[in-house]
Amino acid sequence: MSSFILDDDSGADPTRENSRTFTGLNAGTYTVTQAAVPGWDFMALDCTIGTGDLALRRATITLAAGEEANCVFTNS
């Protein structure tokens, strides 16, 4: 089983969760898309593995068995 973490690098908006962790994922490919946040601009996307598409606010992660990934979606 693998785990995947979405982590807010600033925690500037206390009304939103600063991270989400998904543990126990099977090996495979996962796509995570951040919905637009009113009043915020999507600035950056950084993942420890996988690829990111800044224009689509999307990360595609391929996890091997036991592998972990961490992605940071930055808004300002």
PDB file of N, CA and C in Angstrom:
ATOM      1  N   MET A   1       0.832  -1.178   0.000  1.00  0.00           N
ATOM      2  CA  MET A   1       0.000   0.000   0.000  1.00  0.00           C
ATOM      3  C   MET A   1       0.885   1.253   0.000  1.00  0.00           C
ATOM      4  N   SER A   2       0.371   2.324  -0.568  1.00  0.00           N
ATOM      5  CA  SER A   2       1.107   3.571  -0.701  1.00  0.00           C
ATOM      6  C   SER A   2       0.349   4.704  -0.026  1.00  0.00           C
ATOM      7  N   SER A   3       1.026   5.833   0.130  1.00  0.00           N
ATOM      8  CA  SER A   3       0.342   7.005   0.659  1.00  0.00           C
ATOM      9  C   SER A   3       0.638   8.216  -0.209  1.00  0.00           C
ATOM     10  N   PHE A   4      -0.290   9.154  -0.202  1.00  0.00           N
ATOM     11  CA  PHE A   4      -0.198  10.360  -1.010  1.00  0.00           C
ATOM     12  C   PHE A   4      -0.615  11.516  -0.123  1.00  0.00           C
ATOM     13  N   ILE A   5       0.169  12.603  -0.093  1.00  0.00           N
ATOM     14  CA  ILE A   5      -0.108  13.740   0.781  1.00  0.00           C
ATOM     15  C   ILE A   5      -0.274  14.997  -0.054  1.00  0.00           C
ATOM     16  N   LEU A   6      -1.344  15.740   0.177  1.00  0.00           N
ATOM     17  CA  LEU A   6      -1.508  17.089  -0.362  1.00  0.00           C
ATOM     18  C   LEU A   6      -1.267  18.028   0.810  1.00  0.00           C
ATOM     19  N   ASP A   7      -0.332  18.942   0.679  1.00  0.00           N
ATOM     20  CA  ASP A   7       0.087  19.780   1.794  1.00  0.00           C
ATOM     21  C   ASP A   7       0.068  21.249   1.411  1.00  0.00           C
ATOM     22  N   ASP A   8      -0.622  22.068   2.196  1.00  0.00           N
ATOM     23  CA  ASP A   8      -0.648  23.514   2.004  1.00  0.00           C
ATOM     24  C   ASP A   8       0.634  24.070   2.626  1.00  0.00           C
ATOM     25  N   ASP A   9       1.494  24.654   1.820  1.00  0.00           N
ATOM     26  CA  ASP A   9       2.796  25.090   2.322  1.00  0.00           C
ATOM     27  C   ASP A   9       2.750  26.333   3.181  1.00  0.00           C
ATOM     28  N   SER A  10       1.656  27.080   3.180  1.00  0.00           N
ATOM     29  CA  SER A  10       1.638  28.315   3.955  1.00  0.00           C
ATOM     30  C   SER A  10       0.653  28.285   5.116  1.00  0.00           C
ATOM     31  N   GLY A  11      -0.456  27.607   4.950  1.00  0.00           N
ATOM     32  CA  GLY A  11      -1.466  27.603   6.001  1.00  0.00           C
ATOM     33  C   GLY A  11      -2.081  28.975   6.218  1.00  0.00           C
ATOM     34  N   ALA A  12      -2.017  29.844   5.200  1.00  0.00           N
ATOM     35  CA  ALA A  12      -2.459  31.226   5.341  1.00  0.00           C
ATOM     36  C   ALA A  12      -3.970  31.370   5.486  1.00  0.00           C
ATOM     37  N   ASP A  13      -4.733  30.385   5.056  1.00  0.00           N
ATOM     38  CA  ASP A  13      -6.188  30.462   5.148  1.00  0.00           C
ATOM     39  C   ASP A  13      -6.659  29.466   6.201  1.00  0.00           C
ATOM     40  N   PRO A  14      -6.941  29.936   7.424  1.00  0.00           N
ATOM     41  CA  PRO A  14      -7.308  29.020   8.508  1.00  0.00           C
ATOM     42  C   PRO A  14      -8.656  28.337   8.317  1.00  0.00           C
ATOM     43  N   THR A  15      -9.455  28.780   7.345  1.00  0.00           N
ATOM     44  CA  THR A  15     -10.752  28.147   7.116  1.00  0.00           C
ATOM     45  C   THR A  15     -10.630  26.887   6.277  1.00  0.00           C
ATOM     46  N   ARG A  16      -9.445  26.631   5.722  1.00  0.00           N
ATOM     47  CA  ARG A  16      -9.240  25.444   4.882  1.00  0.00           C
ATOM     48  C   ARG A  16      -8.229  24.511   5.536  1.00  0.00           C
ATOM     49  N   GLU A  17      -8.391  23.209   5.258  1.00  0.00           N
ATOM     50  CA  GLU A  17      -7.423  22.239   5.765  1.00  0.00           C
ATOM     51  C   GLU A  17      -6.040  22.556   5.209  1.00  0.00           C
ATOM     52  N   ASN A  18      -4.989  22.348   6.022  1.00  0.00           N
ATOM     53  CA  ASN A  18      -3.645  22.621   5.510  1.00  0.00           C
ATOM     54  C   ASN A  18      -3.006  21.403   4.885  1.00  0.00           C
ATOM     55  N   SER A  19      -3.618  20.224   5.032  1.00  0.00           N
ATOM     56  CA  SER A  19      -3.100  19.047   4.321  1.00  0.00           C
ATOM     57  C   SER A  19      -4.155  17.952   4.306  1.00  0.00           C
ATOM     58  N   ARG A  20      -4.007  17.061   3.352  1.00  0.00           N
ATOM     59  CA  ARG A  20      -4.845  15.871   3.264  1.00  0.00           C
ATOM     60  C   ARG A  20      -3.933  14.698   2.952  1.00  0.00           C
ATOM     61  N   THR A  21      -4.107  13.622   3.670  1.00  0.00           N
ATOM     62  CA  THR A  21      -3.283  12.437   3.476  1.00  0.00           C
ATOM     63  C   THR A  21      -4.181  11.265   3.103  1.00  0.00           C
ATOM     64  N   PHE A  22      -3.787  10.546   2.069  1.00  0.00           N
ATOM     65  CA  PHE A  22      -4.491   9.351   1.642  1.00  0.00           C
ATOM     66  C   PHE A  22      -3.511   8.200   1.803  1.00  0.00           C
ATOM     67  N   THR A  23      -3.807   7.271   2.682  1.00  0.00           N
ATOM     68  CA  THR A  23      -2.917   6.144   2.956  1.00  0.00           C
ATOM     69  C   THR A  23      -3.629   4.852   2.596  1.00  0.00           C
ATOM     70  N   GLY A  24      -2.854   3.896   2.158  1.00  0.00           N
ATOM     71  CA  GLY A  24      -3.423   2.604   1.815  1.00  0.00           C
ATOM     72  C   GLY A  24      -3.849   2.516   0.367  1.00  0.00           C
ATOM     73  N   LEU A  25      -3.336   3.424  -0.455  1.00  0.00           N
ATOM     74  CA  LEU A  25      -3.666   3.386  -1.872  1.00  0.00           C
ATOM     75  C   LEU A  25      -2.949   2.221  -2.545  1.00  0.00           C
ATOM     76  N   ASN A  26      -3.602   1.583  -3.466  1.00  0.00           N
ATOM     77  CA  ASN A  26      -2.957   0.539  -4.255  1.00  0.00           C
ATOM     78  C   ASN A  26      -1.995   1.177  -5.243  1.00  0.00           C
ATOM     79  N   ALA A  27      -1.009   0.409  -5.665  1.00  0.00           N
ATOM     80  CA  ALA A  27      -0.102   0.914  -6.705  1.00  0.00           C
ATOM     81  C   ALA A  27      -0.939   1.270  -7.923  1.00  0.00           C
ATOM     82  N   GLY A  28      -0.570   2.356  -8.596  1.00  0.00           N
ATOM     83  CA  GLY A  28      -1.319   2.779  -9.770  1.00  0.00           C
ATOM     84  C   GLY A  28      -1.148   4.263 -10.023  1.00  0.00           C
ATOM     85  N   THR A  29      -1.898   4.777 -10.970  1.00  0.00           N
ATOM     86  CA  THR A  29      -1.813   6.185 -11.347  1.00  0.00           C
ATOM     87  C   THR A  29      -3.019   6.934 -10.805  1.00  0.00           C
ATOM     88  N   TYR A  30      -2.747   8.080 -10.184  1.00  0.00           N
ATOM     89  CA  TYR A  30      -3.779   8.904  -9.575  1.00  0.00           C
ATOM     90  C   TYR A  30      -3.665  10.322 -10.124  1.00  0.00           C
ATOM     91  N   THR A  31      -4.811  10.955 -10.350  1.00  0.00           N
ATOM     92  CA  THR A  31      -4.846  12.345 -10.785  1.00  0.00           C
ATOM     93  C   THR A  31      -5.581  13.145  -9.726  1.00  0.00           C
ATOM     94  N   VAL A  32      -4.957  14.235  -9.271  1.00  0.00           N
ATOM     95  CA  VAL A  32      -5.543  15.110  -8.259  1.00  0.00           C
ATOM     96  C   VAL A  32      -5.644  16.495  -8.857  1.00  0.00           C
ATOM     97  N   THR A  33      -6.856  17.070  -8.816  1.00  0.00           N
ATOM     98  CA  THR A  33      -7.079  18.401  -9.364  1.00  0.00           C
ATOM     99  C   THR A  33      -7.580  19.315  -8.259  1.00  0.00           C
ATOM    100  N   GLN A  34      -6.975  20.482  -8.164  1.00  0.00           N
ATOM    101  CA  GLN A  34      -7.443  21.464  -7.194  1.00  0.00           C
ATOM    102  C   GLN A  34      -8.508  22.336  -7.850  1.00  0.00           C
ATOM    103  N   ALA A  35      -9.668  22.421  -7.229  1.00  0.00           N
ATOM    104  CA  ALA A  35     -10.724  23.297  -7.731  1.00  0.00           C
ATOM    105  C   ALA A  35     -10.277  24.750  -7.566  1.00  0.00           C
ATOM    106  N   ALA A  36     -10.772  25.603  -8.436  1.00  0.00           N
ATOM    107  CA  ALA A  36     -10.475  27.027  -8.309  1.00  0.00           C
ATOM    108  C   ALA A  36     -10.986  27.533  -6.967  1.00  0.00           C
ATOM    109  N   VAL A  37     -10.220  28.417  -6.340  1.00  0.00           N
ATOM    110  CA  VAL A  37     -10.594  28.995  -5.055  1.00  0.00           C
ATOM    111  C   VAL A  37     -10.887  30.470  -5.291  1.00  0.00           C
ATOM    112  N   PRO A  38     -12.133  30.900  -5.094  1.00  0.00           N
ATOM    113  CA  PRO A  38     -12.473  32.300  -5.342  1.00  0.00           C
ATOM    114  C   PRO A  38     -11.560  33.254  -4.561  1.00  0.00           C
ATOM    115  N   GLY A  39     -11.047  34.259  -5.261  1.00  0.00           N
ATOM    116  CA  GLY A  39     -10.180  35.251  -4.624  1.00  0.00           C
ATOM    117  C   GLY A  39      -8.716  34.851  -4.542  1.00  0.00           C
ATOM    118  N   TRP A  40      -8.366  33.654  -5.003  1.00  0.00           N
ATOM    119  CA  TRP A  40      -6.989  33.173  -4.951  1.00  0.00           C
ATOM    120  C   TRP A  40      -6.529  32.830  -6.360  1.00  0.00           C
ATOM    121  N   ASP A  41      -5.253  33.077  -6.633  1.00  0.00           N
ATOM    122  CA  ASP A  41      -4.640  32.681  -7.899  1.00  0.00           C
ATOM    123  C   ASP A  41      -3.783  31.452  -7.659  1.00  0.00           C
ATOM    124  N   PHE A  42      -3.873  30.480  -8.548  1.00  0.00           N
ATOM    125  CA  PHE A  42      -3.053  29.268  -8.464  1.00  0.00           C
ATOM    126  C   PHE A  42      -1.666  29.604  -8.991  1.00  0.00           C
ATOM    127  N   MET A  43      -0.656  29.469  -8.144  1.00  0.00           N
ATOM    128  CA  MET A  43       0.686  29.939  -8.476  1.00  0.00           C
ATOM    129  C   MET A  43       1.683  28.840  -8.816  1.00  0.00           C
ATOM    130  N   ALA A  44       1.612  27.705  -8.118  1.00  0.00           N
ATOM    131  CA  ALA A  44       2.650  26.688  -8.310  1.00  0.00           C
ATOM    132  C   ALA A  44       2.129  25.316  -7.899  1.00  0.00           C
ATOM    133  N   LEU A  45       2.780  24.310  -8.441  1.00  0.00           N
ATOM    134  CA  LEU A  45       2.482  22.915  -8.126  1.00  0.00           C
ATOM    135  C   LEU A  45       3.801  22.170  -8.109  1.00  0.00           C
ATOM    136  N   ASP A  46       4.090  21.529  -6.982  1.00  0.00           N
ATOM    137  CA  ASP A  46       5.351  20.813  -6.852  1.00  0.00           C
ATOM    138  C   ASP A  46       5.078  19.450  -6.232  1.00  0.00           C
ATOM    139  N   CYS A  47       5.507  18.387  -6.924  1.00  0.00           N
ATOM    140  CA  CYS A  47       5.317  17.021  -6.438  1.00  0.00           C
ATOM    141  C   CYS A  47       6.664  16.317  -6.333  1.00  0.00           C
ATOM    142  N   THR A  48       6.787  15.469  -5.318  1.00  0.00           N
ATOM    143  CA  THR A  48       8.036  14.717  -5.165  1.00  0.00           C
ATOM    144  C   THR A  48       8.199  13.687  -6.267  1.00  0.00           C
ATOM    145  N   ILE A  49       7.093  13.147  -6.787  1.00  0.00           N
ATOM    146  CA  ILE A  49       7.121  12.277  -7.957  1.00  0.00           C
ATOM    147  C   ILE A  49       5.928  12.633  -8.821  1.00  0.00           C
ATOM    148  N   GLY A  50       5.945  12.253 -10.060  1.00  0.00           N
ATOM    149  CA  GLY A  50       4.819  12.510 -10.950  1.00  0.00           C
ATOM    150  C   GLY A  50       5.011  13.791 -11.743  1.00  0.00           C
ATOM    151  N   THR A  51       3.940  14.212 -12.380  1.00  0.00           N
ATOM    152  CA  THR A  51       3.984  15.409 -13.202  1.00  0.00           C
ATOM    153  C   THR A  51       2.847  16.342 -12.810  1.00  0.00           C
ATOM    154  N   GLY A  52       3.072  17.618 -13.005  1.00  0.00           N
ATOM    155  CA  GLY A  52       2.051  18.602 -12.703  1.00  0.00           C
ATOM    156  C   GLY A  52       1.707  19.412 -13.935  1.00  0.00           C
ATOM    157  N   ASP A  53       0.471  19.839 -14.027  1.00  0.00           N
ATOM    158  CA  ASP A  53       0.014  20.712 -15.098  1.00  0.00           C
ATOM    159  C   ASP A  53      -0.551  21.955 -14.435  1.00  0.00           C
ATOM    160  N   LEU A  54       0.237  23.022 -14.417  1.00  0.00           N
ATOM    161  CA  LEU A  54      -0.145  24.248 -13.729  1.00  0.00           C
ATOM    162  C   LEU A  54      -1.415  24.841 -14.319  1.00  0.00           C
ATOM    163  N   ALA A  55      -1.538  24.835 -15.647  1.00  0.00           N
ATOM    164  CA  ALA A  55      -2.702  25.438 -16.298  1.00  0.00           C
ATOM    165  C   ALA A  55      -4.004  24.735 -15.909  1.00  0.00           C
ATOM    166  N   LEU A  56      -3.943  23.432 -15.670  1.00  0.00           N
ATOM    167  CA  LEU A  56      -5.142  22.662 -15.314  1.00  0.00           C
ATOM    168  C   LEU A  56      -5.283  22.430 -13.812  1.00  0.00           C
ATOM    169  N   ARG A  57      -4.320  22.949 -13.009  1.00  0.00           N
ATOM    170  CA  ARG A  57      -4.319  22.758 -11.554  1.00  0.00           C
ATOM    171  C   ARG A  57      -4.389  21.266 -11.210  1.00  0.00           C
ATOM    172  N   ARG A  58      -3.559  20.471 -11.926  1.00  0.00           N
ATOM    173  CA  ARG A  58      -3.674  19.019 -11.797  1.00  0.00           C
ATOM    174  C   ARG A  58      -2.302  18.363 -11.638  1.00  0.00           C
ATOM    175  N   ALA A  59      -2.243  17.351 -10.795  1.00  0.00           N
ATOM    176  CA  ALA A  59      -1.046  16.524 -10.638  1.00  0.00           C
ATOM    177  C   ALA A  59      -1.408  15.091 -10.989  1.00  0.00           C
ATOM    178  N   THR A  60      -0.526  14.417 -11.717  1.00  0.00           N
ATOM    179  CA  THR A  60      -0.704  13.000 -12.039  1.00  0.00           C
ATOM    180  C   THR A  60       0.451  12.250 -11.391  1.00  0.00           C
ATOM    181  N   ILE A  61       0.113  11.330 -10.514  1.00  0.00           N
ATOM    182  CA  ILE A  61       1.093  10.600  -9.705  1.00  0.00           C
ATOM    183  C   ILE A  61       0.967   9.110 -10.011  1.00  0.00           C
ATOM    184  N   THR A  62       2.081   8.460 -10.293  1.00  0.00           N
ATOM    185  CA  THR A  62       2.099   7.013 -10.450  1.00  0.00           C
ATOM    186  C   THR A  62       2.873   6.424  -9.280  1.00  0.00           C
ATOM    187  N   LEU A  63       2.165   5.673  -8.439  1.00  0.00           N
ATOM    188  CA  LEU A  63       2.755   5.092  -7.232  1.00  0.00           C
ATOM    189  C   LEU A  63       3.059   3.615  -7.439  1.00  0.00           C
ATOM    190  N   ALA A  64       4.257   3.226  -7.049  1.00  0.00           N
ATOM    191  CA  ALA A  64       4.610   1.807  -6.983  1.00  0.00           C
ATOM    192  C   ALA A  64       4.177   1.302  -5.602  1.00  0.00           C
ATOM    193  N   ALA A  65       4.148   0.003  -5.419  1.00  0.00           N
ATOM    194  CA  ALA A  65       3.780  -0.563  -4.124  1.00  0.00           C
ATOM    195  C   ALA A  65       4.702  -0.016  -3.037  1.00  0.00           C
ATOM    196  N   GLY A  66       4.116   0.535  -1.974  1.00  0.00           N
ATOM    197  CA  GLY A  66       4.886   1.061  -0.855  1.00  0.00           C
ATOM    198  C   GLY A  66       5.463   2.441  -1.056  1.00  0.00           C
ATOM    199  N   GLU A  67       5.277   3.027  -2.227  1.00  0.00           N
ATOM    200  CA  GLU A  67       5.852   4.333  -2.530  1.00  0.00           C
ATOM    201  C   GLU A  67       4.978   5.449  -1.960  1.00  0.00           C
ATOM    202  N   GLU A  68       5.603   6.555  -1.592  1.00  0.00           N
ATOM    203  CA  GLU A  68       4.887   7.728  -1.089  1.00  0.00           C
ATOM    204  C   GLU A  68       5.153   8.920  -1.991  1.00  0.00           C
ATOM    205  N   ALA A  69       4.187   9.829  -2.051  1.00  0.00           N
ATOM    206  CA  ALA A  69       4.342  11.052  -2.829  1.00  0.00           C
ATOM    207  C   ALA A  69       3.792  12.215  -2.019  1.00  0.00           C
ATOM    208  N   ASN A  70       4.373  13.386  -2.225  1.00  0.00           N
ATOM    209  CA  ASN A  70       3.929  14.600  -1.568  1.00  0.00           C
ATOM    210  C   ASN A  70       3.766  15.677  -2.633  1.00  0.00           C
ATOM    211  N   CYS A  71       2.595  16.336  -2.681  1.00  0.00           N
ATOM    212  CA  CYS A  71       2.359  17.414  -3.626  1.00  0.00           C
ATOM    213  C   CYS A  71       1.932  18.678  -2.898  1.00  0.00           C
ATOM    214  N   VAL A  72       2.448  19.815  -3.348  1.00  0.00           N
ATOM    215  CA  VAL A  72       2.088  21.109  -2.776  1.00  0.00           C
ATOM    216  C   VAL A  72       1.461  21.947  -3.865  1.00  0.00           C
ATOM    217  N   PHE A  73       0.214  22.391  -3.645  1.00  0.00           N
ATOM    218  CA  PHE A  73      -0.491  23.300  -4.524  1.00  0.00           C
ATOM    219  C   PHE A  73      -0.400  24.674  -3.864  1.00  0.00           C
ATOM    220  N   THR A  74       0.210  25.654  -4.531  1.00  0.00           N
ATOM    221  CA  THR A  74       0.411  26.981  -3.928  1.00  0.00           C
ATOM    222  C   THR A  74      -0.545  27.989  -4.536  1.00  0.00           C
ATOM    223  N   ASN A  75      -1.288  28.673  -3.675  1.00  0.00           N
ATOM    224  CA  ASN A  75      -2.213  29.739  -4.061  1.00  0.00           C
ATOM    225  C   ASN A  75      -1.793  31.025  -3.382  1.00  0.00           C
ATOM    226  N   SER A  76      -2.132  32.156  -4.007  1.00  0.00           N
ATOM    227  CA  SER A  76      -1.860  33.437  -3.331  1.00  0.00           C
ATOM    228  C   SER A  76      -2.940  34.423  -3.691  1.00  0.00           C
TER     229      SER A  76
END
